[in-house]
PDB file of N, CA and C in Angstrom:
ATOM      1  N   MET A   1     -16.979  -7.964  11.027  1.00  0.00           N
ATOM      2  CA  MET A   1     -16.754  -8.651   9.753  1.00  0.00           C
ATOM      3  C   MET A   1     -15.674  -9.535   9.965  1.00  0.00           C
ATOM      4  N   SER A   2     -15.104 -10.754   8.980  1.00  0.00           N
ATOM      5  CA  SER A   2     -14.502 -11.622   8.901  1.00  0.00           C
ATOM      6  C   SER A   2     -13.143 -11.827   8.905  1.00  0.00           C
ATOM      7  N   ARG A   3     -12.224 -12.468   9.470  1.00  0.00           N
ATOM      8  CA  ARG A   3     -10.163 -12.116   8.871  1.00  0.00           C
ATOM      9  C   ARG A   3     -10.504 -12.211   7.410  1.00  0.00           C
ATOM     10  N   ARG A   4     -11.403 -13.056   6.949  1.00  0.00           N
ATOM     11  CA  ARG A   4     -11.459 -13.450   5.305  1.00  0.00           C
ATOM     12  C   ARG A   4     -11.707 -12.493   4.095  1.00  0.00           C
ATOM     13  N   ASP A   5     -13.065 -11.212   4.953  1.00  0.00           N
ATOM     14  CA  ASP A   5     -13.671 -10.409   4.574  1.00  0.00           C
ATOM     15  C   ASP A   5     -12.976  -9.510   4.413  1.00  0.00           C
ATOM     16  N   ALA A   6     -12.444  -8.855   5.644  1.00  0.00           N
ATOM     17  CA  ALA A   6     -10.922  -8.081   5.509  1.00  0.00           C
ATOM     18  C   ALA A   6      -9.863  -8.019   4.890  1.00  0.00           C
ATOM     19  N   GLN A   7      -9.473  -9.574   4.296  1.00  0.00           N
ATOM     20  CA  GLN A   7      -8.382  -9.717   3.482  1.00  0.00           C
ATOM     21  C   GLN A   7      -9.034  -9.752   2.208  1.00  0.00           C
ATOM     22  N   GLU A   8     -10.369  -9.790   1.812  1.00  0.00           N
ATOM     23  CA  GLU A   8     -10.503  -9.914   0.329  1.00  0.00           C
ATOM     24  C   GLU A   8     -10.687  -8.152   0.252  1.00  0.00           C
ATOM     25  N   LEU A   9     -11.008  -7.522   1.348  1.00  0.00           N
ATOM     26  CA  LEU A   9     -11.231  -6.628   0.800  1.00  0.00           C
ATOM     27  C   LEU A   9      -9.694  -5.435   0.545  1.00  0.00           C
ATOM     28  N   LEU A  10      -8.557  -6.255   1.629  1.00  0.00           N
ATOM     29  CA  LEU A  10      -7.380  -5.464   1.394  1.00  0.00           C
ATOM     30  C   LEU A  10      -7.008  -5.854  -0.013  1.00  0.00           C
ATOM     31  N   ARG A  11      -7.591  -6.910  -0.463  1.00  0.00           N
ATOM     32  CA  ARG A  11      -6.997  -7.197  -1.682  1.00  0.00           C
ATOM     33  C   ARG A  11      -7.264  -6.245  -2.761  1.00  0.00           C
ATOM     34  N   GLY A  12      -8.341  -5.207  -3.085  1.00  0.00           N
ATOM     35  CA  GLY A  12      -8.400  -4.189  -3.672  1.00  0.00           C
ATOM     36  C   GLY A  12      -8.132  -2.973  -3.436  1.00  0.00           C
ATOM     37  N   VAL A  13      -7.538  -2.604  -2.098  1.00  0.00           N
ATOM     38  CA  VAL A  13      -6.587  -1.804  -2.263  1.00  0.00           C
ATOM     39  C   VAL A  13      -4.944  -1.423  -2.161  1.00  0.00           C
ATOM     40  N   THR A  14      -4.443  -2.672  -1.814  1.00  0.00           N
ATOM     41  CA  THR A  14      -3.283  -3.046  -1.700  1.00  0.00           C
ATOM     42  C   THR A  14      -2.330  -2.284  -2.601  1.00  0.00           C
ATOM     43  N   ASP A  15      -2.783  -1.967  -3.763  1.00  0.00           N
ATOM     44  CA  ASP A  15      -1.822  -1.009  -4.238  1.00  0.00           C
ATOM     45  C   ASP A  15      -1.753   0.100  -4.058  1.00  0.00           C
ATOM     46  N   SER A  16      -3.074   0.709  -3.920  1.00  0.00           N
ATOM     47  CA  SER A  16      -2.753   2.182  -3.594  1.00  0.00           C
ATOM     48  C   SER A  16      -1.871   2.451  -2.303  1.00  0.00           C
ATOM     49  N   LEU A  17      -2.378   1.249  -1.178  1.00  0.00           N
ATOM     50  CA  LEU A  17      -2.006   1.731  -0.278  1.00  0.00           C
ATOM     51  C   LEU A  17      -0.531   1.640  -0.024  1.00  0.00           C
ATOM     52  N   LEU A  18       0.378   0.828  -0.759  1.00  0.00           N
ATOM     53  CA  LEU A  18       1.627   0.842  -1.131  1.00  0.00           C
ATOM     54  C   LEU A  18       2.024   1.691  -1.775  1.00  0.00           C
ATOM     55  N   LEU A  19       1.579   2.130  -2.850  1.00  0.00           N
ATOM     56  CA  LEU A  19       1.915   3.630  -3.373  1.00  0.00           C
ATOM     57  C   LEU A  19       2.130   4.807  -2.768  1.00  0.00           C
ATOM     58  N   SER A  20       0.758   4.935  -1.558  1.00  0.00           N
ATOM     59  CA  SER A  20       0.658   5.637  -0.644  1.00  0.00           C
ATOM     60  C   SER A  20       2.154   5.541   0.324  1.00  0.00           C
ATOM     61  N   LEU A  21       1.860   4.539   0.366  1.00  0.00           N
ATOM     62  CA  LEU A  21       3.623   4.846   1.917  1.00  0.00           C
ATOM     63  C   LEU A  21       4.332   5.000   1.175  1.00  0.00           C
ATOM     64  N   VAL A  22       4.661   4.156  -0.343  1.00  0.00           N
ATOM     65  CA  VAL A  22       6.383   4.562  -0.920  1.00  0.00           C
ATOM     66  C   VAL A  22       6.152   6.252  -1.243  1.00  0.00           C
ATOM     67  N   GLY A  23       5.269   6.262  -1.390  1.00  0.00           N
ATOM     68  CA  GLY A  23       5.410   8.311  -1.539  1.00  0.00           C
ATOM     69  C   GLY A  23       5.738   8.773  -0.743  1.00  0.00           C
ATOM     70  N   GLU A  24       5.761   8.350   0.987  1.00  0.00           N
ATOM     71  CA  GLU A  24       6.212   9.030   1.711  1.00  0.00           C
ATOM     72  C   GLU A  24       7.595   9.337   2.213  1.00  0.00           C
ATOM     73  N   LEU A  25       8.136   8.447   1.908  1.00  0.00           N
ATOM     74  CA  LEU A  25       9.603   7.954   1.579  1.00  0.00           C
ATOM     75  C   LEU A  25      10.338   6.793   1.004  1.00  0.00           C
ATOM     76  N   PRO A  26      11.304   6.970   0.675  1.00  0.00           N
ATOM     77  CA  PRO A  26      11.775   5.602   0.316  1.00  0.00           C
ATOM     78  C   PRO A  26      11.842   4.612   1.100  1.00  0.00           C
ATOM     79  N   THR A  27      11.326   3.374   1.073  1.00  0.00           N
ATOM     80  CA  THR A  27      11.734   2.471   1.616  1.00  0.00           C
ATOM     81  C   THR A  27      11.554   0.853   1.435  1.00  0.00           C
ATOM     82  N   TYR A  28      11.475  -0.165   1.929  1.00  0.00           N
ATOM     83  CA  TYR A  28      12.229  -1.755   1.767  1.00  0.00           C
ATOM     84  C   TYR A  28      10.716  -2.364   1.586  1.00  0.00           C
ATOM     85  N   GLY A  29      10.456  -3.465   1.403  1.00  0.00           N
ATOM     86  CA  GLY A  29       9.687  -4.583   1.495  1.00  0.00           C
ATOM     87  C   GLY A  29       8.954  -4.815   3.016  1.00  0.00           C
ATOM     88  N   TYR A  30      10.432  -5.104   4.032  1.00  0.00           N
ATOM     89  CA  TYR A  30       9.675  -5.576   5.015  1.00  0.00           C
ATOM     90  C   TYR A  30       9.363  -4.389   5.772  1.00  0.00           C
ATOM     91  N   GLN A  31      10.133  -2.975   5.336  1.00  0.00           N
ATOM     92  CA  GLN A  31       9.595  -1.803   6.186  1.00  0.00           C
ATOM     93  C   GLN A  31       7.580  -1.608   5.852  1.00  0.00           C
ATOM     94  N   LEU A  32       7.794  -2.045   5.072  1.00  0.00           N
ATOM     95  CA  LEU A  32       6.192  -1.913   4.181  1.00  0.00           C
ATOM     96  C   LEU A  32       5.057  -2.344   4.771  1.00  0.00           C
ATOM     97  N   ILE A  33       5.789  -3.776   4.878  1.00  0.00           N
ATOM     98  CA  ILE A  33       4.595  -4.781   5.918  1.00  0.00           C
ATOM     99  C   ILE A  33       4.582  -4.372   7.260  1.00  0.00           C
ATOM    100  N   LYS A  34       5.609  -3.688   7.842  1.00  0.00           N
ATOM    101  CA  LYS A  34       5.752  -3.555   9.448  1.00  0.00           C
ATOM    102  C   LYS A  34       4.773  -1.926   9.721  1.00  0.00           C
ATOM    103  N   GLU A  35       5.351  -1.104   8.629  1.00  0.00           N
ATOM    104  CA  GLU A  35       4.189   0.126   8.518  1.00  0.00           C
ATOM    105  C   GLU A  35       2.468   0.089   8.308  1.00  0.00           C
ATOM    106  N   LEU A  36       2.599  -1.134   7.551  1.00  0.00           N
ATOM    107  CA  LEU A  36       0.968  -0.927   7.256  1.00  0.00           C
ATOM    108  C   LEU A  36       0.509  -1.718   8.462  1.00  0.00           C
ATOM    109  N   GLU A  37       0.890  -2.739   9.228  1.00  0.00           N
ATOM    110  CA  GLU A  37       0.498  -3.098  10.650  1.00  0.00           C
ATOM    111  C   GLU A  37       0.811  -2.321  11.305  1.00  0.00           C
ATOM    112  N   ARG A  38       1.470  -1.931  11.498  1.00  0.00           N
ATOM    113  CA  ARG A  38       1.079  -0.402  12.606  1.00  0.00           C
ATOM    114  C   ARG A  38       0.409   0.841  12.831  1.00  0.00           C
ATOM    115  N   ARG A  39       0.026   0.960  11.281  1.00  0.00           N
ATOM    116  CA  ARG A  39      -0.741   2.469  11.225  1.00  0.00           C
ATOM    117  C   ARG A  39      -2.281   1.551  10.935  1.00  0.00           C
ATOM    118  N   SER A  40      -2.176   0.840  10.787  1.00  0.00           N
ATOM    119  CA  SER A  40      -3.644   0.117  10.732  1.00  0.00           C
ATOM    120  C   SER A  40      -3.636  -0.448  12.114  1.00  0.00           C
ATOM    121  N   GLY A  41      -3.242  -0.255  13.586  1.00  0.00           N
ATOM    122  CA  GLY A  41      -3.143  -0.924  14.490  1.00  0.00           C
ATOM    123  C   GLY A  41      -3.810  -2.598  14.463  1.00  0.00           C
ATOM    124  N   GLY A  42      -2.526  -3.361  13.627  1.00  0.00           N
ATOM    125  CA  GLY A  42      -2.964  -4.727  13.688  1.00  0.00           C
ATOM    126  C   GLY A  42      -3.697  -4.960  12.572  1.00  0.00           C
ATOM    127  N   TYR A  43      -4.777  -4.267  12.523  1.00  0.00           N
ATOM    128  CA  TYR A  43      -5.537  -4.611  11.140  1.00  0.00           C
ATOM    129  C   TYR A  43      -5.334  -5.629   9.780  1.00  0.00           C
ATOM    130  N   PHE A  44      -4.384  -4.720   9.175  1.00  0.00           N
ATOM    131  CA  PHE A  44      -3.892  -4.670   8.240  1.00  0.00           C
ATOM    132  C   PHE A  44      -2.414  -5.898   8.360  1.00  0.00           C
ATOM    133  N   LYS A  45      -2.383  -6.884   8.479  1.00  0.00           N
ATOM    134  CA  LYS A  45      -1.330  -8.562   8.483  1.00  0.00           C
ATOM    135  C   LYS A  45      -0.781  -8.792   6.980  1.00  0.00           C
ATOM    136  N   VAL A  46       0.109  -8.011   6.599  1.00  0.00           N
ATOM    137  CA  VAL A  46       0.245  -9.149   5.015  1.00  0.00           C
ATOM    138  C   VAL A  46       1.756  -9.337   5.407  1.00  0.00           C
ATOM    139  N   ARG A  47       2.261 -10.674   3.984  1.00  0.00           N
ATOM    140  CA  ARG A  47       3.043 -11.322   4.180  1.00  0.00           C
ATOM    141  C   ARG A  47       4.194 -11.023   2.964  1.00  0.00           C
ATOM    142  N   GLY A  48       4.835 -11.182   2.873  1.00  0.00           N
ATOM    143  CA  GLY A  48       5.935 -11.022   1.436  1.00  0.00           C
ATOM    144  C   GLY A  48       5.405 -11.246  -0.071  1.00  0.00           C
ATOM    145  N   GLY A  49       4.979 -12.943   0.551  1.00  0.00           N
ATOM    146  CA  GLY A  49       4.080 -13.196  -0.813  1.00  0.00           C
ATOM    147  C   GLY A  49       3.247 -12.316  -1.227  1.00  0.00           C
ATOM    148  N   THR A  50       2.436 -11.284  -0.883  1.00  0.00           N
ATOM    149  CA  THR A  50       1.783 -10.397  -1.016  1.00  0.00           C
ATOM    150  C   THR A  50       1.919  -9.213  -1.405  1.00  0.00           C
ATOM    151  N   ILE A  51       3.031  -8.580  -0.719  1.00  0.00           N
ATOM    152  CA  ILE A  51       3.704  -7.108  -1.253  1.00  0.00           C
ATOM    153  C   ILE A  51       4.522  -7.019  -2.103  1.00  0.00           C
ATOM    154  N   TYR A  52       5.354  -8.431  -2.314  1.00  0.00           N
ATOM    155  CA  TYR A  52       6.418  -8.263  -3.203  1.00  0.00           C
ATOM    156  C   TYR A  52       6.107  -8.395  -4.853  1.00  0.00           C
ATOM    157  N   PRO A  53       4.906  -9.159  -4.828  1.00  0.00           N
ATOM    158  CA  PRO A  53       4.327  -8.800  -6.596  1.00  0.00           C
ATOM    159  C   PRO A  53       3.574  -7.405  -6.384  1.00  0.00           C
ATOM    160  N   VAL A  54       3.088  -7.146  -5.335  1.00  0.00           N
ATOM    161  CA  VAL A  54       2.691  -5.851  -5.893  1.00  0.00           C
ATOM    162  C   VAL A  54       3.584  -4.460  -6.084  1.00  0.00           C
ATOM    163  N   LEU A  55       4.580  -4.631  -5.861  1.00  0.00           N
ATOM    164  CA  LEU A  55       5.769  -3.673  -5.673  1.00  0.00           C
ATOM    165  C   LEU A  55       6.227  -3.984  -7.045  1.00  0.00           C
ATOM    166  N   ARG A  56       6.704  -5.500  -7.512  1.00  0.00           N
ATOM    167  CA  ARG A  56       6.859  -5.535  -9.289  1.00  0.00           C
ATOM    168  C   ARG A  56       6.083  -5.017  -9.737  1.00  0.00           C
ATOM    169  N   ARG A  57       4.569  -5.103  -9.699  1.00  0.00           N
ATOM    170  CA  ARG A  57       3.521  -4.769 -10.571  1.00  0.00           C
ATOM    171  C   ARG A  57       3.385  -2.949 -10.482  1.00  0.00           C
ATOM    172  N   LEU A  58       3.381  -2.633  -9.788  1.00  0.00           N
ATOM    173  CA  LEU A  58       3.703  -1.203  -9.351  1.00  0.00           C
ATOM    174  C   LEU A  58       5.062  -0.687 -10.203  1.00  0.00           C
ATOM    175  N   GLU A  59       6.269  -1.150  -9.952  1.00  0.00           N
ATOM    176  CA  GLU A  59       7.273  -0.943 -10.602  1.00  0.00           C
ATOM    177  C   GLU A  59       6.856  -1.394 -12.560  1.00  0.00           C
ATOM    178  N   LYS A  60       6.139  -2.324 -12.905  1.00  0.00           N
ATOM    179  CA  LYS A  60       6.467  -2.455 -13.969  1.00  0.00           C
ATOM    180  C   LYS A  60       5.311  -0.981 -14.473  1.00  0.00           C
ATOM    181  N   ALA A  61       4.426  -0.838 -13.924  1.00  0.00           N
ATOM    182  CA  ALA A  61       3.030   0.139 -14.357  1.00  0.00           C
ATOM    183  C   ALA A  61       4.213   1.598 -14.469  1.00  0.00           C
ATOM    184  N   GLU A  62       5.281   1.600 -14.341  1.00  0.00           N
ATOM    185  CA  GLU A  62       6.324   2.965 -14.137  1.00  0.00           C
ATOM    186  C   GLU A  62       5.843   3.688 -12.711  1.00  0.00           C
ATOM    187  N   LEU A  63       5.125   3.471 -11.903  1.00  0.00           N
ATOM    188  CA  LEU A  63       4.478   4.388 -10.944  1.00  0.00           C
ATOM    189  C   LEU A  63       5.591   3.903  -9.474  1.00  0.00           C
ATOM    190  N   ILE A  64       6.256   3.349  -9.255  1.00  0.00           N
ATOM    191  CA  ILE A  64       7.229   3.645  -8.532  1.00  0.00           C
ATOM    192  C   ILE A  64       8.769   2.823  -9.320  1.00  0.00           C
ATOM    193  N   SER A  65       9.969   3.197  -8.937  1.00  0.00           N
ATOM    194  CA  SER A  65      11.546   2.955  -8.725  1.00  0.00           C
ATOM    195  C   SER A  65      12.066   2.037  -8.139  1.00  0.00           C
ATOM    196  N   SER A  66      13.106   1.116  -7.936  1.00  0.00           N
ATOM    197  CA  SER A  66      13.483   0.881  -7.348  1.00  0.00           C
ATOM    198  C   SER A  66      15.722   0.842  -7.600  1.00  0.00           C
ATOM    199  N   HIS A  67      16.040   0.809  -5.971  1.00  0.00           N
ATOM    200  CA  HIS A  67      17.322   0.650  -6.763  1.00  0.00           C
ATOM    201  C   HIS A  67      17.942   0.083  -5.370  1.00  0.00           C
ATOM    202  N   TRP A  68      18.973  -0.701  -5.283  1.00  0.00           N
ATOM    203  CA  TRP A  68      19.643  -1.321  -4.287  1.00  0.00           C
ATOM    204  C   TRP A  68      20.597  -0.752  -3.725  1.00  0.00           C
ATOM    205  N   GLN A  69      20.637  -0.970  -1.685  1.00  0.00           N
ATOM    206  CA  GLN A  69      21.393  -0.041  -1.068  1.00  0.00           C
ATOM    207  C   GLN A  69      22.252  -1.338  -0.513  1.00  0.00           C
ATOM    208  N   GLN A  70      23.052  -0.988  -0.197  1.00  0.00           N
ATOM    209  CA  GLN A  70      24.280  -1.897   0.849  1.00  0.00           C
ATOM    210  C   GLN A  70      24.244  -1.396   1.800  1.00  0.00           C
ATOM    211  N   ILE A  71      23.898  -2.066   3.020  1.00  0.00           N
ATOM    212  CA  ILE A  71      23.315  -2.099   4.782  1.00  0.00           C
ATOM    213  C   ILE A  71      24.993  -2.546   5.597  1.00  0.00           C
ATOM    214  N   THR A  72      25.360  -3.648   4.774  1.00  0.00           N
ATOM    215  CA  THR A  72      26.327  -4.501   5.760  1.00  0.00           C
ATOM    216  C   THR A  72      27.465  -4.964   4.275  1.00  0.00           C
ATOM    217  N   LYS A  73      28.527  -5.637   4.511  1.00  0.00           N
ATOM    218  CA  LYS A  73      29.005  -6.305   3.871  1.00  0.00           C
ATOM    219  C   LYS A  73      28.480  -7.347   2.812  1.00  0.00           C
ATOM    220  N   ARG A  74      27.271  -7.790   3.655  1.00  0.00           N
ATOM    221  CA  ARG A  74      26.423  -9.105   2.933  1.00  0.00           C
ATOM    222  C   ARG A  74      25.026  -9.034   2.870  1.00  0.00           C
ATOM    223  N   GLN A  75      24.883  -7.816   3.502  1.00  0.00           N
ATOM    224  CA  GLN A  75      23.356  -7.602   3.123  1.00  0.00           C
ATOM    225  C   GLN A  75      22.879  -5.926   2.235  1.00  0.00           C
ATOM    226  N   ARG A  76      22.019  -6.561   1.310  1.00  0.00           N
ATOM    227  CA  ARG A  76      21.752  -5.332   0.680  1.00  0.00           C
ATOM    228  C   ARG A  76      20.039  -5.256   0.932  1.00  0.00           C
ATOM    229  N   ARG A  77      19.551  -4.250   0.540  1.00  0.00           N
ATOM    230  CA  ARG A  77      18.153  -3.569   0.318  1.00  0.00           C
ATOM    231  C   ARG A  77      17.526  -2.935  -0.978  1.00  0.00           C
ATOM    232  N   ARG A  78      16.396  -3.214  -1.001  1.00  0.00           N
ATOM    233  CA  ARG A  78      15.847  -2.857  -2.381  1.00  0.00           C
ATOM    234  C   ARG A  78      14.880  -1.866  -1.788  1.00  0.00           C
ATOM    235  N   TYR A  79      15.427  -0.587  -2.118  1.00  0.00           N
ATOM    236  CA  TYR A  79      14.639   0.198  -1.879  1.00  0.00           C
ATOM    237  C   TYR A  79      13.571   0.638  -2.804  1.00  0.00           C
ATOM    238  N   TYR A  80      12.514   1.434  -2.561  1.00  0.00           N
ATOM    239  CA  TYR A  80      11.141   1.591  -3.469  1.00  0.00           C
ATOM    240  C   TYR A  80      11.301   3.163  -3.347  1.00  0.00           C
ATOM    241  N   GLN A  81      10.837   3.786  -4.713  1.00  0.00           N
ATOM    242  CA  GLN A  81      10.528   5.610  -4.189  1.00  0.00           C
ATOM    243  C   GLN A  81       8.876   5.797  -5.351  1.00  0.00           C
ATOM    244  N   VAL A  82       8.912   6.263  -4.744  1.00  0.00           N
ATOM    245  CA  VAL A  82       7.262   6.629  -6.624  1.00  0.00           C
ATOM    246  C   VAL A  82       7.665   7.794  -7.232  1.00  0.00           C
ATOM    247  N   THR A  83       7.526   7.482  -8.352  1.00  0.00           N
ATOM    248  CA  THR A  83       8.112   8.128  -9.263  1.00  0.00           C
ATOM    249  C   THR A  83       6.789   9.232  -9.514  1.00  0.00           C
ATOM    250  N   GLU A  84       7.033  10.108 -10.405  1.00  0.00           N
ATOM    251  CA  GLU A  84       6.447  11.364 -11.089  1.00  0.00           C
ATOM    252  C   GLU A  84       5.040  10.527 -11.373  1.00  0.00           C
ATOM    253  N   LYS A  85       4.671   9.989 -12.448  1.00  0.00           N
ATOM    254  CA  LYS A  85       3.469   9.447 -12.882  1.00  0.00           C
ATOM    255  C   LYS A  85       2.823   8.502 -11.475  1.00  0.00           C
ATOM    256  N   GLY A  86       4.088   7.783 -10.374  1.00  0.00           N
ATOM    257  CA  GLY A  86       2.887   7.868  -9.410  1.00  0.00           C
ATOM    258  C   GLY A  86       2.713   8.843  -8.272  1.00  0.00           C
ATOM    259  N   ARG A  87       2.762   9.353  -8.402  1.00  0.00           N
ATOM    260  CA  ARG A  87       2.304  10.699  -7.937  1.00  0.00           C
ATOM    261  C   ARG A  87       0.938  11.048  -8.071  1.00  0.00           C
ATOM    262  N   GLN A  88       0.916  11.204  -9.563  1.00  0.00           N
ATOM    263  CA  GLN A  88       0.150  11.413 -10.534  1.00  0.00           C
ATOM    264  C   GLN A  88      -1.361  10.303  -9.867  1.00  0.00           C
ATOM    265  N   VAL A  89      -1.324   9.087 -10.519  1.00  0.00           N
ATOM    266  CA  VAL A  89      -1.975   7.901 -10.249  1.00  0.00           C
ATOM    267  C   VAL A  89      -2.448   7.800  -8.345  1.00  0.00           C
ATOM    268  N   LEU A  90      -1.557   8.520  -7.909  1.00  0.00           N
ATOM    269  CA  LEU A  90      -2.150   8.412  -6.692  1.00  0.00           C
ATOM    270  C   LEU A  90      -3.215   9.548  -5.866  1.00  0.00           C
ATOM    271  N   ALA A  91      -2.551  10.890  -6.451  1.00  0.00           N
ATOM    272  CA  ALA A  91      -3.290  11.739  -6.458  1.00  0.00           C
ATOM    273  C   ALA A  91      -4.887  11.490  -6.934  1.00  0.00           C
ATOM    274  N   GLU A  92      -4.953  10.925  -8.179  1.00  0.00           N
ATOM    275  CA  GLU A  92      -5.876  10.281  -8.590  1.00  0.00           C
ATOM    276  C   GLU A  92      -7.099   9.314  -7.743  1.00  0.00           C
ATOM    277  N   ARG A  93      -6.321   8.113  -7.540  1.00  0.00           N
ATOM    278  CA  ARG A  93      -6.881   7.477  -6.768  1.00  0.00           C
ATOM    279  C   ARG A  93      -7.388   7.845  -4.912  1.00  0.00           C
ATOM    280  N   LEU A  94      -6.737   8.959  -4.736  1.00  0.00           N
ATOM    281  CA  LEU A  94      -7.245   9.666  -3.049  1.00  0.00           C
ATOM    282  C   LEU A  94      -8.446  10.037  -3.781  1.00  0.00           C
ATOM    283  N   ALA A  95      -8.204  10.652  -4.629  1.00  0.00           N
ATOM    284  CA  ALA A  95      -9.733  11.263  -5.168  1.00  0.00           C
ATOM    285  C   ALA A  95     -11.024  10.702  -5.130  1.00  0.00           C
ATOM    286  N   GLU A  96     -10.566   9.517  -5.791  1.00  0.00           N
ATOM    287  CA  GLU A  96     -11.294   8.454  -5.922  1.00  0.00           C
ATOM    288  C   GLU A  96     -11.724   7.708  -5.061  1.00  0.00           C
ATOM    289  N   TRP A  97     -11.333   7.448  -3.651  1.00  0.00           N
ATOM    290  CA  TRP A  97     -11.023   6.872  -2.620  1.00  0.00           C
ATOM    291  C   TRP A  97     -12.249   7.708  -1.984  1.00  0.00           C
ATOM    292  N   GLN A  98     -11.866   9.494  -1.626  1.00  0.00           N
ATOM    293  CA  GLN A  98     -12.592   9.917  -0.874  1.00  0.00           C
ATOM    294  C   GLN A  98     -14.074  10.063  -1.575  1.00  0.00           C
ATOM    295  N   ASP A  99     -14.426  10.100  -2.911  1.00  0.00           N
ATOM    296  CA  ASP A  99     -15.665  10.149  -3.288  1.00  0.00           C
ATOM    297  C   ASP A  99     -16.429   8.555  -3.226  1.00  0.00           C
ATOM    298  N   PHE A 100     -15.429   7.476  -3.082  1.00  0.00           N
ATOM    299  CA  PHE A 100     -16.708   5.871  -2.615  1.00  0.00           C
ATOM    300  C   PHE A 100     -16.462   5.988  -0.970  1.00  0.00           C
ATOM    301  N   TYR A 101     -15.743   6.554  -0.476  1.00  0.00           N
ATOM    302  CA  TYR A 101     -16.024   6.119   0.975  1.00  0.00           C
ATOM    303  C   TYR A 101     -17.194   7.990   1.541  1.00  0.00           C
ATOM    304  N   SER A 102     -17.207   8.974   0.512  1.00  0.00           N
ATOM    305  CA  SER A 102     -18.787   9.513   0.601  1.00  0.00           C
ATOM    306  C   SER A 102     -19.753   8.983   0.345  1.00  0.00           C
ATOM    307  N   ALA A 103     -19.387   8.584  -0.989  1.00  0.00           N
ATOM    308  CA  ALA A 103     -21.003   7.870  -1.320  1.00  0.00           C
ATOM    309  C   ALA A 103     -21.385   6.881  -0.414  1.00  0.00           C
ATOM    310  N   ALA A 104     -20.339   5.808  -0.022  1.00  0.00           N
ATOM    311  CA  ALA A 104     -20.743   4.468   0.676  1.00  0.00           C
ATOM    312  C   ALA A 104     -21.205   5.007   2.528  1.00  0.00           C
ATOM    313  N   SER A 105     -20.485   5.804   3.008  1.00  0.00           N
ATOM    314  CA  SER A 105     -21.019   6.676   4.249  1.00  0.00           C
ATOM    315  C   SER A 105     -22.010   6.878   4.427  1.00  0.00           C
ATOM    316  N   LYS A 106     -22.621   7.499   3.000  1.00  0.00           N
ATOM    317  CA  LYS A 106     -24.198   8.262   2.910  1.00  0.00           C
ATOM    318  C   LYS A 106     -25.475   6.720   2.691  1.00  0.00           C
ATOM    319  N   LEU A 107     -24.619   5.470   2.932  1.00  0.00           N
ATOM    320  CA  LEU A 107     -25.692   4.573   2.615  1.00  0.00           C
ATOM    321  C   LEU A 107     -25.560   3.751   3.687  1.00  0.00           C
ATOM    322  N   MET A 108     -24.395   3.803   4.854  1.00  0.00           N
ATOM    323  CA  MET A 108     -24.106   2.533   5.405  1.00  0.00           C
ATOM    324  C   MET A 108     -24.278   3.260   7.060  1.00  0.00           C
ATOM    325  N   SER A 109     -25.442   2.903   7.847  1.00  0.00           N
ATOM    326  CA  SER A 109     -25.411   3.396   9.300  1.00  0.00           C
ATOM    327  C   SER A 109     -24.558   3.239  10.098  1.00  0.00           C
ATOM    328  N   LEU A 110     -23.212   3.876  10.671  1.00  0.00           N
ATOM    329  CA  LEU A 110     -22.585   3.248  12.207  1.00  0.00           C
ATOM    330  C   LEU A 110     -23.594   3.354  12.852  1.00  0.00           C
ATOM    331  N   ASP A 111     -24.732   3.647  13.301  1.00  0.00           N
ATOM    332  CA  ASP A 111     -25.152   3.542  14.320  1.00  0.00           C
ATOM    333  C   ASP A 111     -26.056   1.709  14.464  1.00  0.00           C
ATOM    334  N   CYS A 112     -25.858   1.269  13.249  1.00  0.00           N
ATOM    335  CA  CYS A 112     -26.011   0.015  13.278  1.00  0.00           C
ATOM    336  C   CYS A 112     -25.577  -1.348  14.054  1.00  0.00           C
ATOM    337  N   GLN A 113     -26.404  -1.937  15.099  1.00  0.00           N
ATOM    338  CA  GLN A 113     -25.832  -2.801  16.113  1.00  0.00           C
ATOM    339  C   GLN A 113     -26.163  -4.173  16.316  1.00  0.00           C
TER     340      GLN A 113
END
């Protein structure tokens, strides 16, 4: 799969991936970027220009909330946490993803090389 194809697939699941990560513990944008890359073994490499609009969209939909935290005298970070509505939506999306994965796996052979 080309890098461009992978980026296209990522666009379709970015909201759910971020919602899932934020659901684990309150976190900030840069940490999310690094965590996506780390957990995917470097497969998902995203930039702030991708992450922050998604975080704003999730917050506007009331799936996450945020607050500023002072880190040093001159530095603040915006931390995000999942809301109860976000937890419900995440559970629904996970069930949909499992159904999708199961159906796609039945159609695609991993032995094709």
